[in-house]
Amino acid sequence: QVQLVESGGALVQTGGSLRLSCVASTNIFGFAAMGWYRQAPGEQRELVAKMTRAGTRTYADSVKGRFTISKDEAKNTVYLQMDSLKPEDTAVYYCAAHNLIETPRYWGQGTQVTVSS
């Protein structure tokens, strides 16, 4: 069973930055993609950023230019650098490992990000 453990969530002011980390219990190179998702109260979970094995990055329109996904395969870790944070970025952020590029297969437990206005 693959385990994903997120960390780095916190309370931050508008305009601030955070870096989320996701450590996998197995080699992330084996996955077609790694993704970050978020879910705000009363909302559906949405894709925030995704990075394929080859390194192709995809971002939600709402975070383009502010968030950056990266990975360190030697550490089995995926990062989400979040800059210029806005209150609407408040959500629980989840890491996911995709067995197909478009299909998340394994999920972490989530980390809370709260942006105060």
N, C-alpha and C. Protein backbone atom coordinates (compact mmCIF):
# COMPACT_ATOMS: atom_id res chain seq x y z
N GLN A 1 0.83 -1.19 0.00
CA GLN A 1 0.00 0.00 0.00
C GLN A 1 0.87 1.25 0.00
N VAL A 2 0.61 2.14 -0.92
CA VAL A 2 1.36 3.38 -1.03
C VAL A 2 0.85 4.37 0.00
N GLN A 3 1.76 4.99 0.70
CA GLN A 3 1.39 6.04 1.66
C GLN A 3 1.97 7.37 1.21
N LEU A 4 1.15 8.40 1.31
CA LEU A 4 1.56 9.75 0.99
C LEU A 4 1.32 10.61 2.22
N VAL A 5 2.33 11.34 2.63
CA VAL A 5 2.21 12.16 3.83
C VAL A 5 2.52 13.61 3.49
N GLU A 6 1.51 14.46 3.63
CA GLU A 6 1.67 15.88 3.35
C GLU A 6 2.08 16.63 4.61
N SER A 7 2.74 17.74 4.42
CA SER A 7 3.08 18.63 5.51
C SER A 7 3.27 20.03 4.96
N GLY A 8 3.31 21.01 5.87
CA GLY A 8 3.58 22.38 5.46
C GLY A 8 2.39 23.31 5.52
N GLY A 9 1.21 22.77 5.75
CA GLY A 9 0.04 23.64 5.85
C GLY A 9 0.12 24.51 7.09
N ALA A 10 -0.48 25.69 6.99
CA ALA A 10 -0.42 26.63 8.11
C ALA A 10 -1.42 27.76 7.89
N LEU A 11 -1.48 28.63 8.87
CA LEU A 11 -2.25 29.87 8.77
C LEU A 11 -1.28 30.95 8.30
N VAL A 12 -1.65 31.65 7.23
CA VAL A 12 -0.78 32.67 6.66
C VAL A 12 -1.63 33.86 6.23
N GLN A 13 -1.04 35.03 6.19
CA GLN A 13 -1.76 36.22 5.77
C GLN A 13 -1.81 36.33 4.25
N THR A 14 -2.77 37.07 3.78
CA THR A 14 -2.87 37.34 2.34
C THR A 14 -1.54 37.89 1.82
N GLY A 15 -1.12 37.35 0.68
CA GLY A 15 0.15 37.75 0.09
C GLY A 15 1.33 36.94 0.54
N GLY A 16 1.13 36.09 1.52
CA GLY A 16 2.21 35.27 2.04
C GLY A 16 2.50 34.05 1.18
N SER A 17 3.46 33.27 1.64
CA SER A 17 3.90 32.08 0.91
C SER A 17 3.94 30.87 1.83
N LEU A 18 3.75 29.71 1.24
CA LEU A 18 3.91 28.43 1.92
C LEU A 18 4.50 27.43 0.93
N ARG A 19 5.20 26.45 1.48
CA ARG A 19 5.63 25.33 0.66
C ARG A 19 5.12 24.04 1.28
N LEU A 20 4.31 23.34 0.52
CA LEU A 20 3.80 22.05 0.96
C LEU A 20 4.73 20.94 0.46
N SER A 21 4.84 19.91 1.26
CA SER A 21 5.65 18.75 0.88
C SER A 21 4.79 17.49 0.96
N CYS A 22 5.10 16.54 0.11
CA CYS A 22 4.41 15.26 0.10
C CYS A 22 5.47 14.18 -0.05
N VAL A 23 5.62 13.36 0.97
CA VAL A 23 6.60 12.29 0.94
C VAL A 23 5.88 10.97 0.68
N ALA A 24 6.35 10.24 -0.32
CA ALA A 24 5.75 8.95 -0.67
C ALA A 24 6.55 7.81 -0.06
N SER A 25 5.85 6.72 0.20
CA SER A 25 6.51 5.55 0.80
C SER A 25 7.19 4.68 -0.25
N THR A 26 7.05 5.09 -1.53
CA THR A 26 7.66 4.33 -2.61
C THR A 26 8.21 5.29 -3.65
N ASN A 27 8.90 4.75 -4.62
CA ASN A 27 9.53 5.57 -5.66
C ASN A 27 8.47 6.26 -6.51
N ILE A 28 8.47 7.60 -6.49
CA ILE A 28 7.44 8.33 -7.24
C ILE A 28 7.65 8.25 -8.75
N PHE A 29 8.84 7.85 -9.17
CA PHE A 29 9.08 7.74 -10.62
C PHE A 29 8.17 6.69 -11.23
N GLY A 30 7.69 5.77 -10.40
CA GLY A 30 6.82 4.72 -10.92
C GLY A 30 5.40 5.17 -11.25
N PHE A 31 5.06 6.39 -10.86
CA PHE A 31 3.72 6.90 -11.12
C PHE A 31 3.70 7.75 -12.38
N ALA A 32 2.58 7.69 -13.08
CA ALA A 32 2.45 8.47 -14.31
C ALA A 32 2.49 9.96 -14.01
N ALA A 33 1.98 10.35 -12.86
CA ALA A 33 1.99 11.76 -12.47
C ALA A 33 1.79 11.87 -10.97
N MET A 34 2.17 13.03 -10.45
CA MET A 34 1.90 13.37 -9.06
C MET A 34 1.11 14.67 -9.07
N GLY A 35 0.12 14.76 -8.19
CA GLY A 35 -0.73 15.94 -8.22
C GLY A 35 -1.01 16.50 -6.85
N TRP A 36 -1.35 17.77 -6.84
CA TRP A 36 -1.86 18.44 -5.65
C TRP A 36 -3.31 18.86 -5.94
N TYR A 37 -4.16 18.55 -5.00
CA TYR A 37 -5.58 18.90 -5.08
C TYR A 37 -5.95 19.68 -3.84
N ARG A 38 -7.10 20.34 -3.89
CA ARG A 38 -7.59 21.02 -2.70
C ARG A 38 -9.10 20.92 -2.62
N GLN A 39 -9.57 21.02 -1.38
CA GLN A 39 -11.00 20.97 -1.15
C GLN A 39 -11.35 21.98 -0.07
N ALA A 40 -12.16 22.95 -0.45
CA ALA A 40 -12.65 23.94 0.51
C ALA A 40 -13.98 23.44 1.08
N PRO A 41 -14.38 23.94 2.24
CA PRO A 41 -15.65 23.51 2.85
C PRO A 41 -16.82 23.72 1.90
N GLY A 42 -17.61 22.67 1.73
CA GLY A 42 -18.78 22.76 0.87
C GLY A 42 -18.49 22.70 -0.62
N GLU A 43 -17.22 22.52 -0.96
CA GLU A 43 -16.83 22.49 -2.37
C GLU A 43 -16.32 21.10 -2.75
N GLN A 44 -16.28 20.87 -4.06
CA GLN A 44 -15.69 19.62 -4.54
C GLN A 44 -14.17 19.72 -4.56
N ARG A 45 -13.54 18.58 -4.47
CA ARG A 45 -12.09 18.54 -4.57
C ARG A 45 -11.69 18.91 -6.00
N GLU A 46 -10.68 19.76 -6.13
CA GLU A 46 -10.25 20.20 -7.45
C GLU A 46 -8.74 20.05 -7.61
N LEU A 47 -8.35 19.85 -8.85
CA LEU A 47 -6.93 19.76 -9.17
C LEU A 47 -6.31 21.15 -9.08
N VAL A 48 -5.20 21.25 -8.40
CA VAL A 48 -4.45 22.50 -8.30
C VAL A 48 -3.25 22.47 -9.25
N ALA A 49 -2.49 21.39 -9.19
CA ALA A 49 -1.29 21.28 -10.03
C ALA A 49 -0.95 19.81 -10.20
N LYS A 50 -0.37 19.51 -11.33
CA LYS A 50 -0.01 18.13 -11.64
C LYS A 50 1.31 18.13 -12.40
N MET A 51 2.12 17.11 -12.13
CA MET A 51 3.40 16.99 -12.83
C MET A 51 3.57 15.55 -13.28
N THR A 52 3.75 15.36 -14.58
CA THR A 52 3.90 14.01 -15.10
C THR A 52 5.30 13.47 -14.85
N ARG A 53 5.46 12.18 -15.09
CA ARG A 53 6.77 11.56 -14.94
C ARG A 53 7.81 12.28 -15.80
N ALA A 54 7.39 12.72 -16.96
CA ALA A 54 8.31 13.39 -17.89
C ALA A 54 8.59 14.84 -17.49
N GLY A 55 7.82 15.35 -16.53
CA GLY A 55 8.08 16.71 -16.07
C GLY A 55 7.11 17.76 -16.58
N THR A 56 6.10 17.34 -17.32
CA THR A 56 5.11 18.30 -17.80
C THR A 56 4.22 18.74 -16.65
N ARG A 57 4.07 20.06 -16.52
CA ARG A 57 3.28 20.63 -15.43
C ARG A 57 1.94 21.17 -15.94
N THR A 58 0.91 20.98 -15.14
CA THR A 58 -0.42 21.51 -15.42
C THR A 58 -0.90 22.23 -14.17
N TYR A 59 -1.52 23.41 -14.37
CA TYR A 59 -2.02 24.18 -13.24
C TYR A 59 -3.47 24.59 -13.47
N ALA A 60 -4.20 24.71 -12.37
CA ALA A 60 -5.53 25.32 -12.44
C ALA A 60 -5.35 26.79 -12.80
N ASP A 61 -6.29 27.32 -13.54
CA ASP A 61 -6.19 28.73 -13.95
C ASP A 61 -6.08 29.65 -12.74
N SER A 62 -6.73 29.29 -11.66
CA SER A 62 -6.76 30.15 -10.48
C SER A 62 -5.41 30.28 -9.78
N VAL A 63 -4.47 29.39 -10.07
CA VAL A 63 -3.19 29.43 -9.38
C VAL A 63 -2.02 29.67 -10.33
N LYS A 64 -2.27 29.74 -11.60
CA LYS A 64 -1.18 29.95 -12.57
C LYS A 64 -0.42 31.23 -12.24
N GLY A 65 0.90 31.12 -12.27
CA GLY A 65 1.74 32.27 -11.97
C GLY A 65 2.00 32.48 -10.49
N ARG A 66 1.28 31.75 -9.64
CA ARG A 66 1.46 31.89 -8.19
C ARG A 66 1.98 30.61 -7.54
N PHE A 67 1.57 29.46 -8.06
CA PHE A 67 1.95 28.17 -7.48
C PHE A 67 2.91 27.46 -8.43
N THR A 68 3.81 26.68 -7.83
CA THR A 68 4.76 25.89 -8.62
C THR A 68 4.88 24.50 -8.03
N ILE A 69 4.67 23.51 -8.88
CA ILE A 69 4.85 22.12 -8.45
C ILE A 69 6.24 21.65 -8.87
N SER A 70 6.87 20.89 -8.00
CA SER A 70 8.18 20.34 -8.32
C SER A 70 8.32 19.00 -7.60
N LYS A 71 9.38 18.28 -7.95
CA LYS A 71 9.58 16.99 -7.31
C LYS A 71 11.06 16.71 -7.14
N ASP A 72 11.37 15.90 -6.16
CA ASP A 72 12.72 15.40 -5.93
C ASP A 72 12.60 13.89 -5.85
N GLU A 73 12.89 13.23 -6.96
CA GLU A 73 12.67 11.78 -7.01
C GLU A 73 13.63 11.05 -6.06
N ALA A 74 14.78 11.61 -5.81
CA ALA A 74 15.72 10.97 -4.89
C ALA A 74 15.16 10.91 -3.48
N LYS A 75 14.28 11.86 -3.17
CA LYS A 75 13.66 11.91 -1.85
C LYS A 75 12.22 11.43 -1.87
N ASN A 76 11.75 10.99 -3.02
CA ASN A 76 10.35 10.56 -3.17
C ASN A 76 9.38 11.64 -2.67
N THR A 77 9.69 12.87 -3.00
CA THR A 77 8.95 14.00 -2.46
C THR A 77 8.48 14.92 -3.58
N VAL A 78 7.25 15.40 -3.42
CA VAL A 78 6.67 16.37 -4.32
C VAL A 78 6.37 17.63 -3.51
N TYR A 79 6.61 18.78 -4.12
CA TYR A 79 6.42 20.05 -3.43
C TYR A 79 5.38 20.90 -4.15
N LEU A 80 4.77 21.78 -3.40
CA LEU A 80 3.91 22.80 -3.98
C LEU A 80 4.30 24.12 -3.33
N GLN A 81 4.98 24.96 -4.10
CA GLN A 81 5.33 26.29 -3.65
C GLN A 81 4.17 27.21 -3.94
N MET A 82 3.66 27.86 -2.92
CA MET A 82 2.48 28.72 -3.08
C MET A 82 2.86 30.14 -2.68
N ASP A 83 2.81 31.04 -3.62
CA ASP A 83 3.14 32.45 -3.39
C ASP A 83 1.90 33.32 -3.62
N SER A 84 1.97 34.53 -3.15
CA SER A 84 0.87 35.49 -3.31
C SER A 84 -0.46 34.87 -2.93
N LEU A 85 -0.50 34.26 -1.79
CA LEU A 85 -1.70 33.54 -1.35
C LEU A 85 -2.87 34.48 -1.13
N LYS A 86 -4.06 33.97 -1.45
CA LYS A 86 -5.30 34.71 -1.32
C LYS A 86 -6.24 33.96 -0.39
N PRO A 87 -7.20 34.66 0.20
CA PRO A 87 -8.17 33.96 1.07
C PRO A 87 -8.87 32.81 0.36
N GLU A 88 -9.11 32.95 -0.93
CA GLU A 88 -9.79 31.88 -1.68
C GLU A 88 -8.93 30.65 -1.88
N ASP A 89 -7.66 30.70 -1.48
CA ASP A 89 -6.80 29.52 -1.52
C ASP A 89 -6.99 28.66 -0.27
N THR A 90 -7.76 29.14 0.68
CA THR A 90 -8.00 28.38 1.90
C THR A 90 -8.70 27.07 1.59
N ALA A 91 -8.10 25.97 2.04
CA ALA A 91 -8.64 24.64 1.76
C ALA A 91 -7.74 23.60 2.43
N VAL A 92 -8.22 22.37 2.39
CA VAL A 92 -7.35 21.24 2.72
C VAL A 92 -6.68 20.81 1.42
N TYR A 93 -5.37 20.70 1.45
CA TYR A 93 -4.59 20.34 0.26
C TYR A 93 -4.17 18.88 0.37
N TYR A 94 -4.42 18.16 -0.71
CA TYR A 94 -4.12 16.74 -0.77
C TYR A 94 -3.09 16.44 -1.86
N CYS A 95 -2.22 15.53 -1.55
CA CYS A 95 -1.28 15.01 -2.53
C CYS A 95 -1.87 13.72 -3.10
N ALA A 96 -1.62 13.47 -4.39
CA ALA A 96 -2.13 12.25 -5.02
C ALA A 96 -1.09 11.68 -5.97
N ALA A 97 -1.05 10.38 -6.03
CA ALA A 97 -0.20 9.67 -6.98
C ALA A 97 -1.10 9.06 -8.04
N HIS A 98 -0.76 9.34 -9.29
CA HIS A 98 -1.58 8.90 -10.41
C HIS A 98 -1.00 7.64 -11.04
N ASN A 99 -1.83 6.62 -11.23
CA ASN A 99 -1.34 5.47 -11.97
C ASN A 99 -1.53 5.68 -13.48
N LEU A 100 -2.46 6.55 -13.83
CA LEU A 100 -2.59 7.07 -15.20
C LEU A 100 -2.52 8.58 -15.09
N ILE A 101 -2.12 9.24 -16.14
CA ILE A 101 -1.89 10.69 -16.05
C ILE A 101 -3.11 11.42 -15.51
N GLU A 102 -4.29 10.99 -15.93
CA GLU A 102 -5.51 11.71 -15.54
C GLU A 102 -6.19 11.09 -14.34
N THR A 103 -5.63 10.05 -13.76
CA THR A 103 -6.35 9.28 -12.74
C THR A 103 -5.56 9.17 -11.44
N PRO A 104 -5.97 9.92 -10.41
CA PRO A 104 -5.33 9.75 -9.11
C PRO A 104 -5.69 8.40 -8.52
N ARG A 105 -4.70 7.74 -7.96
CA ARG A 105 -4.94 6.41 -7.41
C ARG A 105 -4.75 6.38 -5.90
N TYR A 106 -3.77 7.07 -5.41
CA TYR A 106 -3.48 7.09 -3.98
C TYR A 106 -3.53 8.53 -3.47
N TRP A 107 -4.02 8.66 -2.22
CA TRP A 107 -4.21 9.97 -1.64
C TRP A 107 -3.52 10.08 -0.29
N GLY A 108 -3.06 11.27 0.02
CA GLY A 108 -2.58 11.56 1.35
C GLY A 108 -3.74 11.97 2.24
N GLN A 109 -3.43 12.28 3.47
CA GLN A 109 -4.47 12.61 4.44
C GLN A 109 -4.87 14.08 4.42
N GLY A 110 -4.06 14.89 3.75
CA GLY A 110 -4.38 16.31 3.61
C GLY A 110 -3.68 17.18 4.63
N THR A 111 -3.48 18.44 4.26
CA THR A 111 -2.90 19.43 5.15
C THR A 111 -3.67 20.73 4.98
N GLN A 112 -3.99 21.38 6.08
CA GLN A 112 -4.84 22.57 6.05
C GLN A 112 -4.03 23.82 5.75
N VAL A 113 -4.52 24.57 4.78
CA VAL A 113 -3.96 25.89 4.46
C VAL A 113 -5.07 26.91 4.69
N THR A 114 -4.78 27.89 5.51
CA THR A 114 -5.74 28.94 5.79
C THR A 114 -5.07 30.28 5.53
N VAL A 115 -5.71 31.08 4.68
CA VAL A 115 -5.18 32.39 4.32
C VAL A 115 -6.12 33.44 4.90
N SER A 116 -5.60 34.25 5.79
CA SER A 116 -6.42 35.28 6.43
C SER A 116 -6.37 36.57 5.63
N SER A 117 -7.48 37.29 5.64
CA SER A 117 -7.55 38.54 4.88
C SER A 117 -7.13 39.73 5.73
